[in-house]
Amino acid sequence: MITGGAGFIASWVVRHLALTYTNDYRIISFDKLDYCASLNNTAQLNDKPNFGFYQGDITNPVEVMDCLQKYEIDTVMHFAAQSHVDLSFGNSYDFTATNVYGTHVLLECVRNYNKLKKFIHVSTDEVYGEVKDEDDDLLEESLLAPTNPYAASKAAAEMIVHAYMKSFNVPVIIVRSNNVYGPHQYPEKVIPKFILMLQRGRKLTLHGKGTHTRRYLYGGDAADAFDTILHKGLLGHVYNVGSYDEISNLQLCSMLLKHFDIGGDGKSVHDYITHVQDRPFNDHRYAVDGSRLRSLGWTQKTSFEEGLRTTVNWYCERNRGSRWWGSIESRLQAYPEPPSPPPSPSLEYSIL
C-alpha cells in the first residue's frame, strides 16, 4: 500500500515497483486525488494485474482500515502529504491535518490491523532546518530544527512514527530525501513551474536574490532509493536520500533558459527574471549525508543536466500541464493562493 500513490514521488515508486516486480508484489495506490494528484501518473498500469487503486483519505480511519483489510496489506509506504512550502505559510492548518493527524490515523489503523511487516515513513530533509555553507552535511542523527510550517508538520509526524515504533512495535523505517524533480511533478514546484512559464513566454518569478540552493534528485533515482530501502533497509533506522547536485535558484533559471534557447542575444539572465518578495523565512540551503543509504548499494545515476533535459522535454511534448492536471494557471503565479478543486482532466494513457 503506497499512500499518495497518484502524486509525484509516490507515483514514481508505484510505477517502478509494479513494473519491476510483476510476480512478487501487488501494489495498491491509496490516494484521495487532491489537486496535485492525477490518475494520469499511473494510467500505464491500469491493465496490470499486480496494480490496484483505492480512492481514500489518510485522515479517514474507516477508509484506511478497509484498504488494509481488503488487500491484506503487509507493507505501507507512506508518501501522502501536503508538501508545498509556499502554501504552508498561509494554509498551515491543512498541513497539520494531513501530515500530522493523517499520519497518526494511519499508524493507529496499522497498530489495530497488526499484520504489517514494514512501515516506511517518507519525511524530508527540511526537518533538519537550514544548513550553513560552512557546515558539514547532516547525518541521520542530527538535530531536527524545522523553520517553516511544512517542515514542522513533517517533524511532528516523525515524532508520532517514532512513538508508535517504541510503544507498539510498529516496524518502522524513516526516509528523509532532498528535493526530487522530474516528469509528473505538479507545476507548483519550481522546476515544472518555470518550464511552463518559459513555454508560455513569461519571465521567471524568483524569490529574493535567487541565491538559495537546493540539492536535486531525479525521480527515477528516488524510486531506486526507495526500492533499496524496501529490500535492504533495517527496521528502526533512518535513511537520508541525498544528491550531489546542489543548484542555486539563479543557476536553475540560467540552465532552463539555455534549454529553451533563450538569452543568446547578449542579454543577462536577469533580463528574463522578475524578483519577487521572498517567503517569510526561506532556508538558504539543505545538505544531508547519504552515505548510510549508499552503503546499501544505492547510487545516484542521473546527472542534473540529463534529468533536467528529460524533464523539459516531457512537459513540452504534447503540451503537458493543463492536459494532465486540469487548470494550472493559478499555480504559475509568484505566490500561489490556497488551491481550489480544478476541473477534472481527461485521462491520457500514453505515458513516458
Protein backbone atom coordinates (compact mmCIF):
# COMPACT_ATOMS: atom_id res chain seq x y z
CA MET A 1 0.00 0.00 0.00
CA ILE A 2 1.51 3.28 -1.15
CA THR A 3 -0.25 6.36 0.23
CA GLY A 4 -0.33 9.36 -2.06
CA GLY A 5 0.24 6.96 -4.94
CA ALA A 6 -1.19 9.30 -7.57
CA GLY A 7 1.14 12.10 -6.51
CA PHE A 8 4.61 12.85 -7.80
CA ILE A 9 7.28 10.90 -5.93
CA ALA A 10 4.92 8.12 -4.89
CA SER A 11 3.80 7.52 -8.47
CA TRP A 12 7.43 7.06 -9.50
CA VAL A 13 7.70 4.38 -6.82
CA VAL A 14 4.36 2.81 -7.78
CA ARG A 15 5.36 2.53 -11.43
CA HIS A 16 8.83 1.26 -10.60
CA LEU A 17 7.69 -1.46 -8.21
CA ALA A 18 4.71 -2.58 -10.30
CA LEU A 19 6.78 -2.88 -13.48
CA THR A 20 9.90 -4.34 -11.84
CA TYR A 21 8.29 -6.91 -9.55
CA THR A 22 5.38 -8.10 -11.65
CA ASN A 23 5.18 -11.51 -9.99
CA ASP A 24 6.31 -10.53 -6.49
CA TYR A 25 4.06 -7.73 -5.27
CA ARG A 26 0.59 -6.36 -5.68
CA ILE A 27 0.90 -2.59 -5.49
CA ILE A 28 -2.10 -0.68 -4.12
CA SER A 29 -2.09 3.06 -4.71
CA PHE A 30 -4.08 4.80 -1.96
CA ASP A 31 -4.89 8.44 -2.78
CA LYS A 32 -7.70 10.92 -2.19
CA LEU A 33 -6.91 12.65 -5.52
CA ASP A 34 -6.14 16.10 -4.17
CA TYR A 35 -5.44 18.99 -6.53
CA CYS A 36 -1.80 17.98 -7.14
CA ALA A 37 -2.50 14.30 -7.85
CA SER A 38 -3.52 12.72 -11.15
CA LEU A 39 -4.57 9.26 -12.21
CA ASN A 40 -2.60 10.00 -15.38
CA ASN A 41 0.52 9.36 -13.30
CA THR A 42 -0.26 5.65 -13.02
CA ALA A 43 -2.55 5.13 -16.02
CA GLN A 44 0.03 2.95 -17.77
CA LEU A 45 -0.52 0.38 -15.01
CA ASN A 46 -4.29 0.12 -15.35
CA ASP A 47 -4.13 -3.18 -17.24
CA LYS A 48 -1.52 -4.70 -14.94
CA PRO A 49 -2.84 -7.49 -12.69
CA ASN A 50 -0.46 -6.52 -9.88
CA PHE A 51 -1.74 -2.92 -9.61
CA GLY A 52 -4.80 -1.55 -7.88
CA PHE A 53 -6.14 1.86 -6.91
CA TYR A 54 -8.12 2.76 -3.79
CA GLN A 55 -9.51 6.28 -3.52
CA GLY A 56 -9.27 7.15 0.14
CA ASP A 57 -8.13 9.77 2.63
CA ILE A 58 -5.46 9.02 5.23
CA THR A 59 -7.39 11.14 7.74
CA ASN A 60 -10.35 8.73 7.43
CA PRO A 61 -9.71 5.63 9.58
CA VAL A 62 -12.60 3.70 8.04
CA GLU A 63 -11.12 4.01 4.55
CA VAL A 64 -7.59 3.26 5.72
CA MET A 65 -8.62 0.13 7.61
CA ASP A 66 -10.83 -1.04 4.76
CA CYS A 67 -7.90 -0.83 2.33
CA LEU A 68 -5.56 -2.64 4.72
CA GLN A 69 -8.02 -5.49 5.22
CA LYS A 70 -9.39 -5.69 1.69
CA TYR A 71 -5.97 -6.14 0.10
CA GLU A 72 -4.30 -7.89 3.05
CA ILE A 73 -1.54 -5.28 3.11
CA ASP A 74 1.81 -6.32 4.59
CA THR A 75 3.84 -3.18 3.80
CA VAL A 76 2.93 0.51 3.86
CA MET A 77 5.00 3.20 2.15
CA HIS A 78 3.60 6.48 3.44
CA PHE A 79 4.10 9.34 0.96
CA ALA A 80 0.76 11.17 1.25
CA ALA A 81 1.30 14.73 2.44
CA GLN A 82 0.71 18.39 1.85
CA SER A 83 4.15 19.37 0.61
CA HIS A 84 4.24 22.83 -0.99
CA VAL A 85 6.15 25.07 1.41
CA ASP A 86 4.73 28.32 -0.01
CA LEU A 87 1.19 27.22 0.83
CA SER A 88 2.15 26.22 4.36
CA PHE A 89 2.76 29.85 5.32
CA GLY A 90 -0.87 30.80 4.68
CA ASN A 91 -2.71 27.48 4.78
CA SER A 92 -0.93 25.74 7.63
CA TYR A 93 -3.93 24.02 9.22
CA ASP A 94 -4.22 21.77 6.18
CA PHE A 95 -0.59 20.74 6.61
CA THR A 96 -1.11 19.78 10.24
CA ALA A 97 -4.34 17.95 9.41
CA THR A 98 -2.83 15.86 6.62
CA ASN A 99 0.79 15.47 7.65
CA VAL A 100 0.39 15.05 11.40
CA TYR A 101 -3.16 13.85 12.03
CA GLY A 102 -3.23 11.78 8.83
CA THR A 103 -0.02 10.02 9.82
CA HIS A 104 -1.46 9.40 13.29
CA VAL A 105 -4.63 7.86 11.82
CA LEU A 106 -2.56 5.65 9.56
CA LEU A 107 -0.39 4.44 12.44
CA GLU A 108 -3.36 3.73 14.68
CA CYS A 109 -5.00 1.72 11.91
CA VAL A 110 -1.77 -0.18 11.33
CA ARG A 111 -1.48 -0.91 15.05
CA ASN A 112 -5.00 -2.33 15.22
CA TYR A 113 -4.56 -4.20 11.94
CA ASN A 114 -1.48 -5.89 13.45
CA LYS A 115 -0.33 -7.69 10.30
CA LEU A 116 2.22 -5.24 8.96
CA LYS A 117 5.80 -6.27 8.28
CA LYS A 118 7.13 -2.84 7.36
CA PHE A 119 6.03 0.81 7.61
CA ILE A 120 8.22 3.15 5.56
CA HIS A 121 7.55 6.74 6.55
CA VAL A 122 8.58 9.35 3.98
CA SER A 123 9.83 12.56 5.56
CA THR A 124 12.02 15.36 4.17
CA ASP A 125 15.46 16.88 4.59
CA GLU A 126 13.70 20.10 5.61
CA VAL A 127 13.13 18.70 9.12
CA TYR A 128 16.82 19.44 9.80
CA GLY A 129 16.37 23.13 9.07
CA GLU A 130 18.89 25.41 7.40
CA VAL A 131 22.47 24.25 6.83
CA LYS A 132 25.14 26.95 6.60
CA ASP A 133 27.61 26.96 3.72
CA GLU A 134 30.49 26.11 6.05
CA ASP A 135 28.66 23.28 7.84
CA ASP A 136 29.16 19.58 7.18
CA ASP A 137 26.40 17.56 5.56
CA LEU A 138 23.93 16.39 8.19
CA LEU A 139 23.74 12.80 9.35
CA GLU A 140 20.56 10.96 10.29
CA GLU A 141 21.32 11.56 13.98
CA SER A 142 21.46 15.35 13.54
CA LEU A 143 19.08 17.57 15.48
CA LEU A 144 15.70 18.30 13.89
CA ALA A 145 15.21 22.08 13.70
CA PRO A 146 12.45 22.87 11.16
CA THR A 147 11.89 26.52 10.26
CA ASN A 148 8.64 26.56 8.24
CA PRO A 149 5.15 25.14 8.92
CA TYR A 150 5.53 22.36 6.33
CA ALA A 151 8.83 21.14 7.76
CA ALA A 152 7.46 21.40 11.30
CA SER A 153 4.47 19.24 10.38
CA LYS A 154 6.78 16.59 8.91
CA ALA A 155 8.99 16.65 12.01
CA ALA A 156 5.91 16.29 14.20
CA ALA A 157 4.78 13.33 12.11
CA GLU A 158 8.18 11.71 12.63
CA MET A 159 7.76 12.01 16.39
CA ILE A 160 4.46 10.13 16.23
CA VAL A 161 6.02 7.48 13.99
CA HIS A 162 8.88 7.04 16.45
CA ALA A 163 6.45 6.81 19.37
CA TYR A 164 4.44 4.06 17.68
CA MET A 165 7.63 2.17 16.96
CA LYS A 166 8.63 2.33 20.63
CA SER A 167 5.20 1.90 22.23
CA PHE A 168 3.52 -0.56 19.87
CA ASN A 169 6.41 -2.17 17.97
CA VAL A 170 5.26 -0.84 14.60
CA PRO A 171 8.05 -1.94 12.19
CA VAL A 172 9.24 1.48 11.07
CA ILE A 173 11.82 2.90 8.67
CA ILE A 174 12.06 6.68 8.19
CA VAL A 175 13.33 8.26 4.96
CA ARG A 176 14.46 11.88 4.58
CA SER A 177 15.02 12.92 0.98
CA ASN A 178 16.22 16.13 -0.58
CA ASN A 179 14.30 17.77 -3.44
CA VAL A 180 13.05 15.38 -6.10
CA TYR A 181 12.23 16.55 -9.64
CA GLY A 182 11.25 15.07 -12.97
CA PRO A 183 8.25 14.26 -15.17
CA HIS A 184 4.85 14.02 -13.45
CA GLN A 185 5.55 16.76 -10.86
CA TYR A 186 2.68 19.18 -10.27
CA PRO A 187 3.68 22.64 -11.56
CA GLU A 188 3.51 24.49 -8.25
CA LYS A 189 7.07 23.25 -7.62
CA VAL A 190 9.86 25.37 -9.02
CA ILE A 191 11.21 23.25 -11.90
CA PRO A 192 7.95 22.35 -13.68
CA LYS A 193 6.55 25.78 -12.85
CA PHE A 194 9.49 27.55 -14.51
CA ILE A 195 9.34 25.20 -17.51
CA LEU A 196 5.68 26.00 -18.13
CA MET A 197 6.27 29.73 -17.60
CA LEU A 198 9.03 29.76 -20.22
CA GLN A 199 6.85 27.71 -22.55
CA ARG A 200 4.27 30.50 -22.25
CA GLY A 201 6.84 33.23 -22.90
CA ARG A 202 6.78 34.63 -19.37
CA LYS A 203 9.50 35.93 -17.12
CA LEU A 204 10.54 33.68 -14.25
CA THR A 205 9.49 34.84 -10.78
CA LEU A 206 12.35 34.39 -8.35
CA HIS A 207 12.16 34.65 -4.56
CA GLY A 208 14.66 37.16 -3.20
CA LYS A 209 18.03 37.30 -4.92
CA GLY A 210 17.95 33.69 -6.11
CA THR A 211 20.99 32.65 -4.09
CA HIS A 212 19.21 29.91 -2.14
CA THR A 213 20.40 26.44 -3.12
CA ARG A 214 18.75 23.04 -3.15
CA ARG A 215 20.04 19.56 -3.92
CA TYR A 216 18.04 17.84 -6.63
CA LEU A 217 17.46 14.15 -7.26
CA TYR A 218 15.78 12.78 -10.38
CA GLY A 219 12.53 10.85 -9.85
CA GLY A 220 13.93 7.62 -11.26
CA ASP A 221 16.85 7.73 -8.83
CA ALA A 222 14.44 8.42 -5.98
CA ALA A 223 12.39 5.36 -6.96
CA ASP A 224 15.58 3.27 -6.95
CA ALA A 225 16.39 4.61 -3.48
CA PHE A 226 13.02 3.54 -2.10
CA ASP A 227 13.43 0.15 -3.76
CA THR A 228 16.77 -0.24 -1.98
CA ILE A 229 15.30 0.81 1.36
CA LEU A 230 12.31 -1.50 0.92
CA HIS A 231 14.52 -4.53 0.34
CA LYS A 232 17.67 -3.73 2.32
CA GLY A 233 16.73 -1.09 4.87
CA LEU A 234 16.87 -2.03 8.54
CA LEU A 235 13.85 -1.60 10.78
CA GLY A 236 14.24 1.23 13.25
CA HIS A 237 16.72 3.09 11.04
CA VAL A 238 16.55 6.49 9.35
CA TYR A 239 17.96 6.94 5.84
CA ASN A 240 18.89 10.21 4.16
CA VAL A 241 18.46 10.24 0.39
CA GLY A 242 21.00 12.76 -0.81
CA SER A 243 22.05 14.11 -4.19
CA TYR A 244 25.42 15.57 -5.15
CA ASP A 245 23.80 18.20 -7.40
CA GLU A 246 23.43 21.45 -5.44
CA ILE A 247 21.96 24.21 -7.59
CA SER A 248 21.03 27.79 -6.75
CA ASN A 249 17.71 29.15 -7.97
CA LEU A 250 19.58 31.61 -10.18
CA GLN A 251 21.63 28.79 -11.71
CA LEU A 252 18.41 26.87 -12.32
CA CYS A 253 17.00 29.84 -14.23
CA SER A 254 20.12 30.01 -16.40
CA MET A 255 20.00 26.29 -17.19
CA LEU A 256 16.33 26.40 -18.13
CA LEU A 257 16.83 29.46 -20.34
CA LYS A 258 19.57 27.53 -22.13
CA HIS A 259 17.26 24.56 -22.68
CA PHE A 260 14.74 26.91 -24.30
CA ASP A 261 17.47 28.63 -26.37
CA ILE A 262 16.70 31.93 -24.69
CA GLY A 263 19.36 34.50 -23.88
CA GLY A 264 21.72 34.20 -26.82
CA ASP A 265 21.08 37.85 -27.72
CA GLY A 266 23.60 39.32 -25.30
CA LYS A 267 21.06 39.78 -22.53
CA SER A 268 21.68 38.76 -18.94
CA VAL A 269 19.72 36.05 -17.16
CA HIS A 270 18.29 38.87 -15.03
CA ASP A 271 16.50 40.25 -18.10
CA TYR A 272 14.26 37.18 -18.02
CA ILE A 273 13.60 37.22 -14.28
CA THR A 274 11.24 39.17 -12.06
CA HIS A 275 12.46 39.22 -8.47
CA VAL A 276 9.52 38.88 -6.09
CA GLN A 277 9.07 39.03 -2.33
CA ASP A 278 10.68 36.11 -0.55
CA ARG A 279 8.94 33.70 1.81
CA PRO A 280 8.55 34.86 5.43
CA PHE A 281 11.56 32.63 6.06
CA ASN A 282 13.49 30.76 3.40
CA ASP A 283 16.24 28.33 4.38
CA HIS A 284 19.41 29.17 2.48
CA ARG A 285 20.28 25.53 1.83
CA TYR A 286 19.78 21.94 2.94
CA ALA A 287 22.57 19.37 2.91
CA VAL A 288 22.32 15.76 4.04
CA ASP A 289 24.87 12.96 4.15
CA GLY A 290 23.51 9.96 2.25
CA SER A 291 26.35 7.54 2.96
CA ARG A 292 24.17 5.21 5.05
CA LEU A 293 21.89 4.58 2.07
CA ARG A 294 24.82 4.30 -0.33
CA SER A 295 26.27 1.60 1.92
CA LEU A 296 23.22 -0.49 0.97
CA GLY A 297 24.21 -0.29 -2.69
CA TRP A 298 22.19 2.68 -3.94
CA THR A 299 23.86 5.22 -6.22
CA GLN A 300 22.67 8.34 -7.99
CA LYS A 301 22.66 7.58 -11.72
CA THR A 302 21.15 10.66 -13.35
CA SER A 303 23.06 13.94 -13.53
CA PHE A 304 21.07 17.11 -13.04
CA GLU A 305 21.77 18.24 -16.59
CA GLU A 306 20.48 14.96 -18.02
CA GLY A 307 17.45 14.84 -15.74
CA LEU A 308 16.55 18.45 -16.44
CA ARG A 309 16.69 17.86 -20.20
CA THR A 310 14.37 14.85 -19.87
CA THR A 311 12.02 16.85 -17.66
CA VAL A 312 11.84 19.83 -20.03
CA ASN A 313 11.10 17.52 -22.94
CA TRP A 314 8.35 15.71 -21.03
CA TYR A 315 6.47 18.90 -20.14
CA CYS A 316 6.85 20.42 -23.59
CA GLU A 317 5.83 17.33 -25.56
CA ARG A 318 2.08 17.34 -26.24
CA ASN A 319 1.85 20.49 -24.11
CA ARG A 320 1.56 18.66 -20.82
CA GLY A 321 0.26 20.81 -17.98
CA SER A 322 -3.43 21.60 -18.04
CA ARG A 323 -3.98 18.47 -20.15
CA TRP A 324 -2.51 16.43 -17.30
CA TRP A 325 -3.89 18.07 -14.14
CA GLY A 326 -6.66 20.39 -15.28
CA SER A 327 -6.44 24.14 -14.70
CA ILE A 328 -2.94 25.13 -13.52
CA GLU A 329 -2.90 28.86 -14.23
CA SER A 330 -3.09 29.86 -10.57
CA ARG A 331 -0.09 27.62 -9.84
CA LEU A 332 2.11 29.69 -12.16
CA GLN A 333 1.80 32.82 -10.03
CA ALA A 334 4.62 34.03 -7.79
CA TYR A 335 2.85 33.27 -4.53
CA PRO A 336 0.09 30.70 -5.06
CA GLU A 337 -3.20 31.06 -3.25
CA PRO A 338 -4.58 28.04 -1.39
CA PRO A 339 -5.84 25.67 -4.10
CA SER A 340 -9.44 25.18 -5.09
CA PRO A 341 -10.56 21.96 -6.78
CA PRO A 342 -9.79 22.20 -10.52
CA PRO A 343 -11.93 20.69 -13.27
CA SER A 344 -11.20 17.02 -13.74
CA PRO A 345 -8.85 16.50 -16.71
CA SER A 346 -9.37 13.70 -19.16
CA LEU A 347 -7.03 10.76 -18.73
CA GLU A 348 -4.14 10.22 -21.08
CA TYR A 349 -2.91 6.68 -21.37
CA SER A 350 0.36 7.14 -23.24
CA ILE A 351 2.91 7.94 -20.56
CA LEU A 352 6.64 8.10 -20.99
